[in-house]
Amino acid sequence: MTPVFPVSALGDGETTVCRIGTVEVLVSRVDGRYYATSARCPHAGQSLAGGRLQGCELRCPLHAAVFDVRDGRCLRGPSDEDLQRYRVVIDQGRVCVDVDATR
């Protein structure tokens, strides 16, 4: 588990990208819960940092693929692959992500 930032650093409906070792992770906060997925769209490798989060759906800024950040599922193409999902734990007021434990 790697602490990435304090829980207060990310508001509801917001995302941020962080790097844990060599892994780029997108952390999203939806309805007070934190989710972590791969930070690049599997379709064309585009960073999802500029993607728009509406509810639990994140839209890729390049070709508008839509993913559910709660489980990484691809909801609409052009991507046909899901995002990798990582385990998130809140520990002593910090968001911690485990890139070695996928979900």
C-alpha atoms as a PDB file:
ATOM      1  CA  MET A   1       0.000   0.000   0.000  1.00  0.00           C
ATOM      2  CA  THR A   2       1.345   3.384  -0.977  1.00  0.00           C
ATOM      3  CA  PRO A   3      -0.073   6.575   0.585  1.00  0.00           C
ATOM      4  CA  VAL A   4      -0.721   9.021  -2.267  1.00  0.00           C
ATOM      5  CA  PHE A   5      -2.455  12.050  -0.718  1.00  0.00           C
ATOM      6  CA  PRO A   6      -4.700  13.149   2.164  1.00  0.00           C
ATOM      7  CA  VAL A   7      -8.425  12.417   1.753  1.00  0.00           C
ATOM      8  CA  SER A   8      -9.117  16.166   1.819  1.00  0.00           C
ATOM      9  CA  ALA A   9      -7.035  16.716  -1.345  1.00  0.00           C
ATOM     10  CA  LEU A  10      -9.703  15.326  -3.684  1.00  0.00           C
ATOM     11  CA  GLY A  11     -13.299  16.526  -3.733  1.00  0.00           C
ATOM     12  CA  ASP A  12     -16.322  14.510  -4.744  1.00  0.00           C
ATOM     13  CA  GLY A  13     -16.552  14.223  -8.525  1.00  0.00           C
ATOM     14  CA  GLU A  14     -12.831  14.899  -8.990  1.00  0.00           C
ATOM     15  CA  THR A  15      -9.955  12.823 -10.338  1.00  0.00           C
ATOM     16  CA  THR A  16      -6.199  13.083 -10.138  1.00  0.00           C
ATOM     17  CA  VAL A  17      -3.298  11.155 -11.603  1.00  0.00           C
ATOM     18  CA  CYS A  18      -0.389   9.976  -9.490  1.00  0.00           C
ATOM     19  CA  ARG A  19       2.601   7.765 -10.114  1.00  0.00           C
ATOM     20  CA  ILE A  20       3.396   4.794  -7.897  1.00  0.00           C
ATOM     21  CA  GLY A  21       6.750   3.424  -8.958  1.00  0.00           C
ATOM     22  CA  THR A  22       6.379   2.972 -12.708  1.00  0.00           C
ATOM     23  CA  VAL A  23       2.558   2.767 -12.637  1.00  0.00           C
ATOM     24  CA  GLU A  24       0.385   5.746 -13.542  1.00  0.00           C
ATOM     25  CA  VAL A  25      -2.812   5.636 -11.483  1.00  0.00           C
ATOM     26  CA  LEU A  26      -6.014   7.638 -11.833  1.00  0.00           C
ATOM     27  CA  VAL A  27      -7.720   8.156  -8.473  1.00  0.00           C
ATOM     28  CA  SER A  28     -11.383   9.202  -8.544  1.00  0.00           C
ATOM     29  CA  ARG A  29     -13.751  10.198  -5.754  1.00  0.00           C
ATOM     30  CA  VAL A  30     -17.419   9.349  -6.270  1.00  0.00           C
ATOM     31  CA  ASP A  31     -20.043   9.730  -3.522  1.00  0.00           C
ATOM     32  CA  GLY A  32     -17.323   9.937  -0.873  1.00  0.00           C
ATOM     33  CA  ARG A  33     -15.570   6.731  -1.984  1.00  0.00           C
ATOM     34  CA  TYR A  34     -12.184   6.519  -3.660  1.00  0.00           C
ATOM     35  CA  TYR A  35     -11.379   4.346  -6.684  1.00  0.00           C
ATOM     36  CA  ALA A  36      -8.096   3.730  -8.487  1.00  0.00           C
ATOM     37  CA  THR A  37      -7.676   2.606 -12.087  1.00  0.00           C
ATOM     38  CA  SER A  38      -5.039   2.722 -14.772  1.00  0.00           C
ATOM     39  CA  ALA A  39      -4.544   6.304 -15.940  1.00  0.00           C
ATOM     40  CA  ARG A  40      -4.375   5.618 -19.676  1.00  0.00           C
ATOM     41  CA  CYS A  41      -7.151   4.687 -22.057  1.00  0.00           C
ATOM     42  CA  PRO A  42      -6.517   1.174 -23.396  1.00  0.00           C
ATOM     43  CA  HIS A  43      -7.753   2.250 -26.848  1.00  0.00           C
ATOM     44  CA  ALA A  44      -4.991   4.694 -27.800  1.00  0.00           C
ATOM     45  CA  GLY A  45      -2.930   5.185 -24.643  1.00  0.00           C
ATOM     46  CA  GLN A  46      -4.357   8.662 -24.041  1.00  0.00           C
ATOM     47  CA  SER A  47      -3.984  10.044 -20.530  1.00  0.00           C
ATOM     48  CA  LEU A  48      -7.316  10.076 -18.722  1.00  0.00           C
ATOM     49  CA  ALA A  49      -6.172  13.048 -16.618  1.00  0.00           C
ATOM     50  CA  GLY A  50      -8.200  15.435 -18.775  1.00  0.00           C
ATOM     51  CA  GLY A  51     -11.235  13.158 -18.877  1.00  0.00           C
ATOM     52  CA  ARG A  52     -14.621  14.324 -17.634  1.00  0.00           C
ATOM     53  CA  LEU A  53     -16.117  12.504 -14.657  1.00  0.00           C
ATOM     54  CA  GLN A  54     -19.917  12.506 -14.424  1.00  0.00           C
ATOM     55  CA  GLY A  55     -21.186  10.402 -11.566  1.00  0.00           C
ATOM     56  CA  CYS A  56     -19.134   7.222 -11.848  1.00  0.00           C
ATOM     57  CA  GLU A  57     -18.536   7.544 -15.610  1.00  0.00           C
ATOM     58  CA  LEU A  58     -15.254   8.881 -16.950  1.00  0.00           C
ATOM     59  CA  ARG A  59     -15.039   9.995 -20.580  1.00  0.00           C
ATOM     60  CA  CYS A  60     -11.682   9.744 -22.347  1.00  0.00           C
ATOM     61  CA  PRO A  61     -10.736  13.183 -23.717  1.00  0.00           C
ATOM     62  CA  LEU A  62      -9.402  11.794 -27.011  1.00  0.00           C
ATOM     63  CA  HIS A  63     -12.043   9.498 -28.543  1.00  0.00           C
ATOM     64  CA  ALA A  64     -14.816   9.682 -25.886  1.00  0.00           C
ATOM     65  CA  ALA A  65     -14.654   6.094 -24.643  1.00  0.00           C
ATOM     66  CA  VAL A  66     -16.522   5.859 -21.324  1.00  0.00           C
ATOM     67  CA  PHE A  67     -15.414   3.853 -18.289  1.00  0.00           C
ATOM     68  CA  ASP A  68     -16.991   3.143 -14.908  1.00  0.00           C
ATOM     69  CA  VAL A  69     -14.310   4.193 -12.401  1.00  0.00           C
ATOM     70  CA  ARG A  70     -15.786   1.935  -9.698  1.00  0.00           C
ATOM     71  CA  ASP A  71     -14.796  -1.273 -11.486  1.00  0.00           C
ATOM     72  CA  GLY A  72     -12.928  -0.127 -14.625  1.00  0.00           C
ATOM     73  CA  ARG A  73     -15.547  -1.499 -17.041  1.00  0.00           C
ATOM     74  CA  CYS A  74     -15.657   0.007 -20.507  1.00  0.00           C
ATOM     75  CA  LEU A  75     -19.229   1.220 -21.001  1.00  0.00           C
ATOM     76  CA  ARG A  76     -18.834   2.714 -24.495  1.00  0.00           C
ATOM     77  CA  GLY A  77     -16.148   2.378 -27.150  1.00  0.00           C
ATOM     78  CA  PRO A  78     -14.142   2.842 -29.216  1.00  0.00           C
ATOM     79  CA  SER A  79     -12.184   0.977 -26.532  1.00  0.00           C
ATOM     80  CA  ASP A  80     -13.069  -2.675 -26.114  1.00  0.00           C
ATOM     81  CA  GLU A  81     -10.914  -3.161 -23.005  1.00  0.00           C
ATOM     82  CA  ASP A  82     -11.574  -2.331 -19.364  1.00  0.00           C
ATOM     83  CA  LEU A  83      -9.289  -0.212 -17.203  1.00  0.00           C
ATOM     84  CA  GLN A  84      -7.081  -1.994 -14.686  1.00  0.00           C
ATOM     85  CA  ARG A  85      -8.440  -1.445 -11.182  1.00  0.00           C
ATOM     86  CA  TYR A  86      -6.318  -1.164  -8.034  1.00  0.00           C
ATOM     87  CA  ARG A  87      -7.156  -1.654  -4.371  1.00  0.00           C
ATOM     88  CA  VAL A  88      -7.712   1.533  -2.334  1.00  0.00           C
ATOM     89  CA  VAL A  89      -7.639   1.834   1.452  1.00  0.00           C
ATOM     90  CA  ILE A  90      -8.056   4.907   3.648  1.00  0.00           C
ATOM     91  CA  ASP A  91      -5.466   4.842   6.434  1.00  0.00           C
ATOM     92  CA  GLN A  92      -5.061   7.632   8.994  1.00  0.00           C
ATOM     93  CA  GLY A  93      -6.698  10.189   6.712  1.00  0.00           C
ATOM     94  CA  ARG A  94      -4.656   9.270   3.652  1.00  0.00           C
ATOM     95  CA  VAL A  95      -5.696   7.582   0.402  1.00  0.00           C
ATOM     96  CA  CYS A  96      -3.474   4.534  -0.130  1.00  0.00           C
ATOM     97  CA  VAL A  97      -3.284   2.537  -3.355  1.00  0.00           C
ATOM     98  CA  ASP A  98      -1.873  -0.941  -3.872  1.00  0.00           C
ATOM     99  CA  VAL A  99      -0.709  -1.332  -7.473  1.00  0.00           C
ATOM    100  CA  ASP A 100       0.348  -4.911  -6.752  1.00  0.00           C
ATOM    101  CA  ALA A 101      -3.193  -5.952  -5.762  1.00  0.00           C
ATOM    102  CA  THR A 102      -5.623  -5.587  -8.629  1.00  0.00           C
ATOM    103  CA  ARG A 103      -9.360  -5.935  -8.184  1.00  0.00           C
END
